[in-house]
Amino acid sequence: MYARQLADTCSPTSMAVIKRQIWDGLDTGCATAAAESVALMAESFTRPDFPEAMIALRERRKPAFLPYES
């Protein structure tokens, strides 16, 4: 159920960033991982997915995110 909700409502790009951050974080300390998470969050506000998420929320509809491109 939760996995389906994430798949339906989360940006594919954001999910890819989170997965990469988790794997990379296994080899770093807590302070480094926390600093990276702050930088990645700030970066996420500049992607097209952020305004789409806000508009979809305001319009009470499912977001129409672009597919993830690596």
PDB file of N, CA and C in Angstrom:
ATOM      1  N   MET A   1       0.829  -1.187   0.000  1.00  0.00           N
ATOM      2  CA  MET A   1       0.000   0.000   0.000  1.00  0.00           C
ATOM      3  C   MET A   1       0.877   1.255   0.000  1.00  0.00           C
ATOM      4  N   TYR A   2       1.834   1.353   0.917  1.00  0.00           N
ATOM      5  CA  TYR A   2       2.699   2.532   0.996  1.00  0.00           C
ATOM      6  C   TYR A   2       3.566   2.644  -0.255  1.00  0.00           C
ATOM      7  N   ALA A   3       4.087   1.520  -0.734  1.00  0.00           N
ATOM      8  CA  ALA A   3       4.909   1.536  -1.944  1.00  0.00           C
ATOM      9  C   ALA A   3       4.084   2.020  -3.131  1.00  0.00           C
ATOM     10  N   ARG A   4       2.842   1.611  -3.227  1.00  0.00           N
ATOM     11  CA  ARG A   4       1.962   2.056  -4.309  1.00  0.00           C
ATOM     12  C   ARG A   4       1.723   3.562  -4.204  1.00  0.00           C
ATOM     13  N   GLN A   5       1.509   4.056  -2.999  1.00  0.00           N
ATOM     14  CA  GLN A   5       1.294   5.488  -2.793  1.00  0.00           C
ATOM     15  C   GLN A   5       2.528   6.277  -3.241  1.00  0.00           C
ATOM     16  N   LEU A   6       3.708   5.805  -2.887  1.00  0.00           N
ATOM     17  CA  LEU A   6       4.932   6.473  -3.315  1.00  0.00           C
ATOM     18  C   LEU A   6       5.046   6.464  -4.837  1.00  0.00           C
ATOM     19  N   ALA A   7       4.774   5.325  -5.444  1.00  0.00           N
ATOM     20  CA  ALA A   7       4.862   5.219  -6.903  1.00  0.00           C
ATOM     21  C   ALA A   7       3.871   6.140  -7.598  1.00  0.00           C
ATOM     22  N   ASP A   8       2.711   6.314  -7.008  1.00  0.00           N
ATOM     23  CA  ASP A   8       1.661   7.134  -7.620  1.00  0.00           C
ATOM     24  C   ASP A   8       1.840   8.627  -7.407  1.00  0.00           C
ATOM     25  N   THR A   9       2.501   9.018  -6.331  1.00  0.00           N
ATOM     26  CA  THR A   9       2.507  10.439  -5.983  1.00  0.00           C
ATOM     27  C   THR A   9       3.888  11.090  -5.915  1.00  0.00           C
ATOM     28  N   CYS A  10       4.945  10.316  -5.979  1.00  0.00           N
ATOM     29  CA  CYS A  10       6.286  10.894  -5.873  1.00  0.00           C
ATOM     30  C   CYS A  10       6.935  11.039  -7.237  1.00  0.00           C
ATOM     31  N   SER A  11       7.718  12.071  -7.364  1.00  0.00           N
ATOM     32  CA  SER A  11       8.453  12.320  -8.592  1.00  0.00           C
ATOM     33  C   SER A  11       9.462  11.192  -8.836  1.00  0.00           C
ATOM     34  N   PRO A  12       9.481  10.632 -10.054  1.00  0.00           N
ATOM     35  CA  PRO A  12      10.479   9.600 -10.352  1.00  0.00           C
ATOM     36  C   PRO A  12      11.909  10.109 -10.172  1.00  0.00           C
ATOM     37  N   THR A  13      12.144  11.365 -10.502  1.00  0.00           N
ATOM     38  CA  THR A  13      13.481  11.932 -10.315  1.00  0.00           C
ATOM     39  C   THR A  13      13.830  11.996  -8.835  1.00  0.00           C
ATOM     40  N   SER A  14      12.894  12.447  -8.017  1.00  0.00           N
ATOM     41  CA  SER A  14      13.147  12.522  -6.574  1.00  0.00           C
ATOM     42  C   SER A  14      13.387  11.141  -5.981  1.00  0.00           C
ATOM     43  N   MET A  15      12.627  10.157  -6.430  1.00  0.00           N
ATOM     44  CA  MET A  15      12.838   8.797  -5.928  1.00  0.00           C
ATOM     45  C   MET A  15      14.232   8.294  -6.301  1.00  0.00           C
ATOM     46  N   ALA A  16      14.689   8.599  -7.516  1.00  0.00           N
ATOM     47  CA  ALA A  16      16.031   8.178  -7.932  1.00  0.00           C
ATOM     48  C   ALA A  16      17.099   8.866  -7.090  1.00  0.00           C
ATOM     49  N   VAL A  17      16.908  10.148  -6.806  1.00  0.00           N
ATOM     50  CA  VAL A  17      17.861  10.886  -5.974  1.00  0.00           C
ATOM     51  C   VAL A  17      17.908  10.288  -4.569  1.00  0.00           C
ATOM     52  N   ILE A  18      16.755   9.983  -4.014  1.00  0.00           N
ATOM     53  CA  ILE A  18      16.693   9.400  -2.668  1.00  0.00           C
ATOM     54  C   ILE A  18      17.392   8.047  -2.628  1.00  0.00           C
ATOM     55  N   LYS A  19      17.130   7.208  -3.622  1.00  0.00           N
ATOM     56  CA  LYS A  19      17.781   5.887  -3.667  1.00  0.00           C
ATOM     57  C   LYS A  19      19.301   6.040  -3.736  1.00  0.00           C
ATOM     58  N   ARG A  20      19.754   6.957  -4.608  1.00  0.00           N
ATOM     59  CA  ARG A  20      21.203   7.174  -4.719  1.00  0.00           C
ATOM     60  C   ARG A  20      21.778   7.672  -3.394  1.00  0.00           C
ATOM     61  N   GLN A  21      21.048   8.583  -2.751  1.00  0.00           N
ATOM     62  CA  GLN A  21      21.514   9.132  -1.480  1.00  0.00           C
ATOM     63  C   GLN A  21      21.626   8.040  -0.418  1.00  0.00           C
ATOM     64  N   ILE A  22      20.672   7.135  -0.379  1.00  0.00           N
ATOM     65  CA  ILE A  22      20.723   6.039   0.600  1.00  0.00           C
ATOM     66  C   ILE A  22      21.956   5.176   0.363  1.00  0.00           C
ATOM     67  N   TRP A  23      22.176   4.776  -0.886  1.00  0.00           N
ATOM     68  CA  TRP A  23      23.333   3.930  -1.179  1.00  0.00           C
ATOM     69  C   TRP A  23      24.647   4.651  -0.909  1.00  0.00           C
ATOM     70  N   ASP A  24      24.735   5.913  -1.321  1.00  0.00           N
ATOM     71  CA  ASP A  24      25.960   6.676  -1.069  1.00  0.00           C
ATOM     72  C   ASP A  24      26.176   6.915   0.422  1.00  0.00           C
ATOM     73  N   GLY A  25      25.109   7.079   1.156  1.00  0.00           N
ATOM     74  CA  GLY A  25      25.187   7.345   2.586  1.00  0.00           C
ATOM     75  C   GLY A  25      25.718   6.186   3.403  1.00  0.00           C
ATOM     76  N   LEU A  26      25.683   5.003   2.833  1.00  0.00           N
ATOM     77  CA  LEU A  26      26.203   3.839   3.553  1.00  0.00           C
ATOM     78  C   LEU A  26      27.709   3.953   3.795  1.00  0.00           C
ATOM     79  N   ASP A  27      28.376   4.713   2.950  1.00  0.00           N
ATOM     80  CA  ASP A  27      29.830   4.842   3.039  1.00  0.00           C
ATOM     81  C   ASP A  27      30.284   6.175   3.623  1.00  0.00           C
ATOM     82  N   THR A  28      29.352   6.981   4.135  1.00  0.00           N
ATOM     83  CA  THR A  28      29.706   8.275   4.706  1.00  0.00           C
ATOM     84  C   THR A  28      29.238   8.358   6.148  1.00  0.00           C
ATOM     85  N   GLY A  29      29.718   9.350   6.835  1.00  0.00           N
ATOM     86  CA  GLY A  29      29.283   9.573   8.208  1.00  0.00           C
ATOM     87  C   GLY A  29      27.951  10.306   8.243  1.00  0.00           C
ATOM     88  N   CYS A  30      27.380  10.374   9.403  1.00  0.00           N
ATOM     89  CA  CYS A  30      26.079  11.010   9.593  1.00  0.00           C
ATOM     90  C   CYS A  30      26.105  12.488   9.207  1.00  0.00           C
ATOM     91  N   ALA A  31      27.132  13.204   9.618  1.00  0.00           N
ATOM     92  CA  ALA A  31      27.209  14.637   9.322  1.00  0.00           C
ATOM     93  C   ALA A  31      27.311  14.888   7.817  1.00  0.00           C
ATOM     94  N   THR A  32      28.087  14.073   7.127  1.00  0.00           N
ATOM     95  CA  THR A  32      28.226  14.219   5.679  1.00  0.00           C
ATOM     96  C   THR A  32      26.906  13.914   4.986  1.00  0.00           C
ATOM     97  N   ALA A  33      26.256  12.837   5.398  1.00  0.00           N
ATOM     98  CA  ALA A  33      24.968  12.463   4.797  1.00  0.00           C
ATOM     99  C   ALA A  33      23.911  13.535   5.061  1.00  0.00           C
ATOM    100  N   ALA A  34      23.913  14.105   6.249  1.00  0.00           N
ATOM    101  CA  ALA A  34      22.942  15.160   6.573  1.00  0.00           C
ATOM    102  C   ALA A  34      23.190  16.408   5.733  1.00  0.00           C
ATOM    103  N   ALA A  35      24.434  16.788   5.561  1.00  0.00           N
ATOM    104  CA  ALA A  35      24.765  17.956   4.741  1.00  0.00           C
ATOM    105  C   ALA A  35      24.364  17.724   3.287  1.00  0.00           C
ATOM    106  N   GLU A  36      24.612  16.518   2.805  1.00  0.00           N
ATOM    107  CA  GLU A  36      24.211  16.198   1.431  1.00  0.00           C
ATOM    108  C   GLU A  36      22.693  16.257   1.281  1.00  0.00           C
ATOM    109  N   SER A  37      21.973  15.788   2.280  1.00  0.00           N
ATOM    110  CA  SER A  37      20.511  15.799   2.182  1.00  0.00           C
ATOM    111  C   SER A  37      19.972  17.218   2.102  1.00  0.00           C
ATOM    112  N   VAL A  38      20.591  18.148   2.815  1.00  0.00           N
ATOM    113  CA  VAL A  38      20.167  19.556   2.764  1.00  0.00           C
ATOM    114  C   VAL A  38      20.417  20.125   1.368  1.00  0.00           C
ATOM    115  N   ALA A  39      21.584  19.830   0.808  1.00  0.00           N
ATOM    116  CA  ALA A  39      21.912  20.317  -0.537  1.00  0.00           C
ATOM    117  C   ALA A  39      20.979  19.720  -1.588  1.00  0.00           C
ATOM    118  N   LEU A  40      20.687  18.432  -1.472  1.00  0.00           N
ATOM    119  CA  LEU A  40      19.798  17.786  -2.431  1.00  0.00           C
ATOM    120  C   LEU A  40      18.370  18.308  -2.314  1.00  0.00           C
ATOM    121  N   MET A  41      17.931  18.620  -1.110  1.00  0.00           N
ATOM    122  CA  MET A  41      16.590  19.175  -0.931  1.00  0.00           C
ATOM    123  C   MET A  41      16.497  20.544  -1.588  1.00  0.00           C
ATOM    124  N   ALA A  42      17.497  21.381  -1.381  1.00  0.00           N
ATOM    125  CA  ALA A  42      17.504  22.711  -2.010  1.00  0.00           C
ATOM    126  C   ALA A  42      17.495  22.571  -3.530  1.00  0.00           C
ATOM    127  N   GLU A  43      18.257  21.640  -4.038  1.00  0.00           N
ATOM    128  CA  GLU A  43      18.307  21.401  -5.482  1.00  0.00           C
ATOM    129  C   GLU A  43      16.942  20.949  -6.011  1.00  0.00           C
ATOM    130  N   SER A  44      16.226  20.171  -5.217  1.00  0.00           N
ATOM    131  CA  SER A  44      14.932  19.651  -5.671  1.00  0.00           C
ATOM    132  C   SER A  44      13.921  20.765  -5.938  1.00  0.00           C
ATOM    133  N   PHE A  45      14.069  21.888  -5.262  1.00  0.00           N
ATOM    134  CA  PHE A  45      13.141  23.008  -5.467  1.00  0.00           C
ATOM    135  C   PHE A  45      13.334  23.671  -6.825  1.00  0.00           C
ATOM    136  N   THR A  46      14.444  23.391  -7.493  1.00  0.00           N
ATOM    137  CA  THR A  46      14.726  24.008  -8.794  1.00  0.00           C
ATOM    138  C   THR A  46      14.283  23.138  -9.965  1.00  0.00           C
ATOM    139  N   ARG A  47      13.856  21.922  -9.694  1.00  0.00           N
ATOM    140  CA  ARG A  47      13.445  21.015 -10.766  1.00  0.00           C
ATOM    141  C   ARG A  47      11.987  21.265 -11.164  1.00  0.00           C
ATOM    142  N   PRO A  48      11.609  20.914 -12.386  1.00  0.00           N
ATOM    143  CA  PRO A  48      10.231  21.112 -12.844  1.00  0.00           C
ATOM    144  C   PRO A  48       9.199  20.320 -12.024  1.00  0.00           C
ATOM    145  N   ASP A  49       9.638  19.273 -11.357  1.00  0.00           N
ATOM    146  CA  ASP A  49       8.702  18.468 -10.563  1.00  0.00           C
ATOM    147  C   ASP A  49       8.115  19.244  -9.392  1.00  0.00           C
ATOM    148  N   PHE A  50       8.870  20.191  -8.855  1.00  0.00           N
ATOM    149  CA  PHE A  50       8.374  20.919  -7.685  1.00  0.00           C
ATOM    150  C   PHE A  50       7.144  21.762  -8.011  1.00  0.00           C
ATOM    151  N   PRO A  51       7.191  22.632  -9.042  1.00  0.00           N
ATOM    152  CA  PRO A  51       5.969  23.384  -9.336  1.00  0.00           C
ATOM    153  C   PRO A  51       4.802  22.486  -9.736  1.00  0.00           C
ATOM    154  N   GLU A  52       5.092  21.390 -10.444  1.00  0.00           N
ATOM    155  CA  GLU A  52       4.005  20.468 -10.816  1.00  0.00           C
ATOM    156  C   GLU A  52       3.358  19.872  -9.574  1.00  0.00           C
ATOM    157  N   ALA A  53       4.159  19.513  -8.589  1.00  0.00           N
ATOM    158  CA  ALA A  53       3.609  18.961  -7.346  1.00  0.00           C
ATOM    159  C   ALA A  53       2.735  19.983  -6.620  1.00  0.00           C
ATOM    160  N   MET A  54       3.185  21.231  -6.583  1.00  0.00           N
ATOM    161  CA  MET A  54       2.414  22.273  -5.901  1.00  0.00           C
ATOM    162  C   MET A  54       1.099  22.570  -6.631  1.00  0.00           C
ATOM    163  N   ILE A  55       1.148  22.615  -7.959  1.00  0.00           N
ATOM    164  CA  ILE A  55      -0.069  22.854  -8.737  1.00  0.00           C
ATOM    165  C   ILE A  55      -1.046  21.691  -8.571  1.00  0.00           C
ATOM    166  N   ALA A  56      -0.526  20.467  -8.645  1.00  0.00           N
ATOM    167  CA  ALA A  56      -1.388  19.291  -8.480  1.00  0.00           C
ATOM    168  C   ALA A  56      -2.031  19.277  -7.095  1.00  0.00           C
ATOM    169  N   LEU A  57      -1.286  19.643  -6.087  1.00  0.00           N
ATOM    170  CA  LEU A  57      -1.825  19.701  -4.732  1.00  0.00           C
ATOM    171  C   LEU A  57      -2.945  20.734  -4.655  1.00  0.00           C
ATOM    172  N   ARG A  58      -2.707  21.906  -5.213  1.00  0.00           N
ATOM    173  CA  ARG A  58      -3.713  22.965  -5.199  1.00  0.00           C
ATOM    174  C   ARG A  58      -4.964  22.552  -5.978  1.00  0.00           C
ATOM    175  N   GLU A  59      -4.765  21.847  -7.102  1.00  0.00           N
ATOM    176  CA  GLU A  59      -5.888  21.414  -7.939  1.00  0.00           C
ATOM    177  C   GLU A  59      -6.488  20.084  -7.493  1.00  0.00           C
ATOM    178  N   ARG A  60      -5.910  19.508  -6.451  1.00  0.00           N
ATOM    179  CA  ARG A  60      -6.384  18.238  -5.882  1.00  0.00           C
ATOM    180  C   ARG A  60      -6.445  17.128  -6.929  1.00  0.00           C
ATOM    181  N   ARG A  61      -5.329  16.993  -7.619  1.00  0.00           N
ATOM    182  CA  ARG A  61      -5.207  15.952  -8.639  1.00  0.00           C
ATOM    183  C   ARG A  61      -3.864  15.253  -8.497  1.00  0.00           C
ATOM    184  N   LYS A  62      -3.746  14.116  -9.155  1.00  0.00           N
ATOM    185  CA  LYS A  62      -2.486  13.372  -9.165  1.00  0.00           C
ATOM    186  C   LYS A  62      -1.468  14.155  -9.996  1.00  0.00           C
ATOM    187  N   PRO A  63      -0.235  14.302  -9.510  1.00  0.00           N
ATOM    188  CA  PRO A  63       0.771  15.029 -10.281  1.00  0.00           C
ATOM    189  C   PRO A  63       1.141  14.283 -11.565  1.00  0.00           C
ATOM    190  N   ALA A  64       1.464  15.033 -12.586  1.00  0.00           N
ATOM    191  CA  ALA A  64       1.888  14.476 -13.881  1.00  0.00           C
ATOM    192  C   ALA A  64       3.382  14.740 -14.051  1.00  0.00           C
ATOM    193  N   PHE A  65       4.186  13.948 -13.379  1.00  0.00           N
ATOM    194  CA  PHE A  65       5.624  14.128 -13.421  1.00  0.00           C
ATOM    195  C   PHE A  65       6.194  13.575 -14.730  1.00  0.00           C
ATOM    196  N   LEU A  66       7.275  14.193 -15.189  1.00  0.00           N
ATOM    197  CA  LEU A  66       7.987  13.683 -16.344  1.00  0.00           C
ATOM    198  C   LEU A  66       8.715  12.402 -15.946  1.00  0.00           C
ATOM    199  N   PRO A  67       8.940  11.494 -16.898  1.00  0.00           N
ATOM    200  CA  PRO A  67       9.701  10.272 -16.579  1.00  0.00           C
ATOM    201  C   PRO A  67      11.121  10.625 -16.157  1.00  0.00           C
ATOM    202  N   TYR A  68      11.716   9.739 -15.385  1.00  0.00           N
ATOM    203  CA  TYR A  68      13.103   9.937 -14.939  1.00  0.00           C
ATOM    204  C   TYR A  68      14.043   9.715 -16.108  1.00  0.00           C
ATOM    205  N   GLU A  69      14.974  10.638 -16.274  1.00  0.00           N
ATOM    206  CA  GLU A  69      16.022  10.491 -17.278  1.00  0.00           C
ATOM    207  C   GLU A  69      17.369  10.549 -16.573  1.00  0.00           C
ATOM    208  N   SER A  70      18.127   9.486 -16.671  1.00  0.00           N
ATOM    209  CA  SER A  70      19.414   9.445 -15.978  1.00  0.00           C
ATOM    210  C   SER A  70      20.480  10.209 -16.681  1.00  0.00           C
TER     211      SER A  70
END
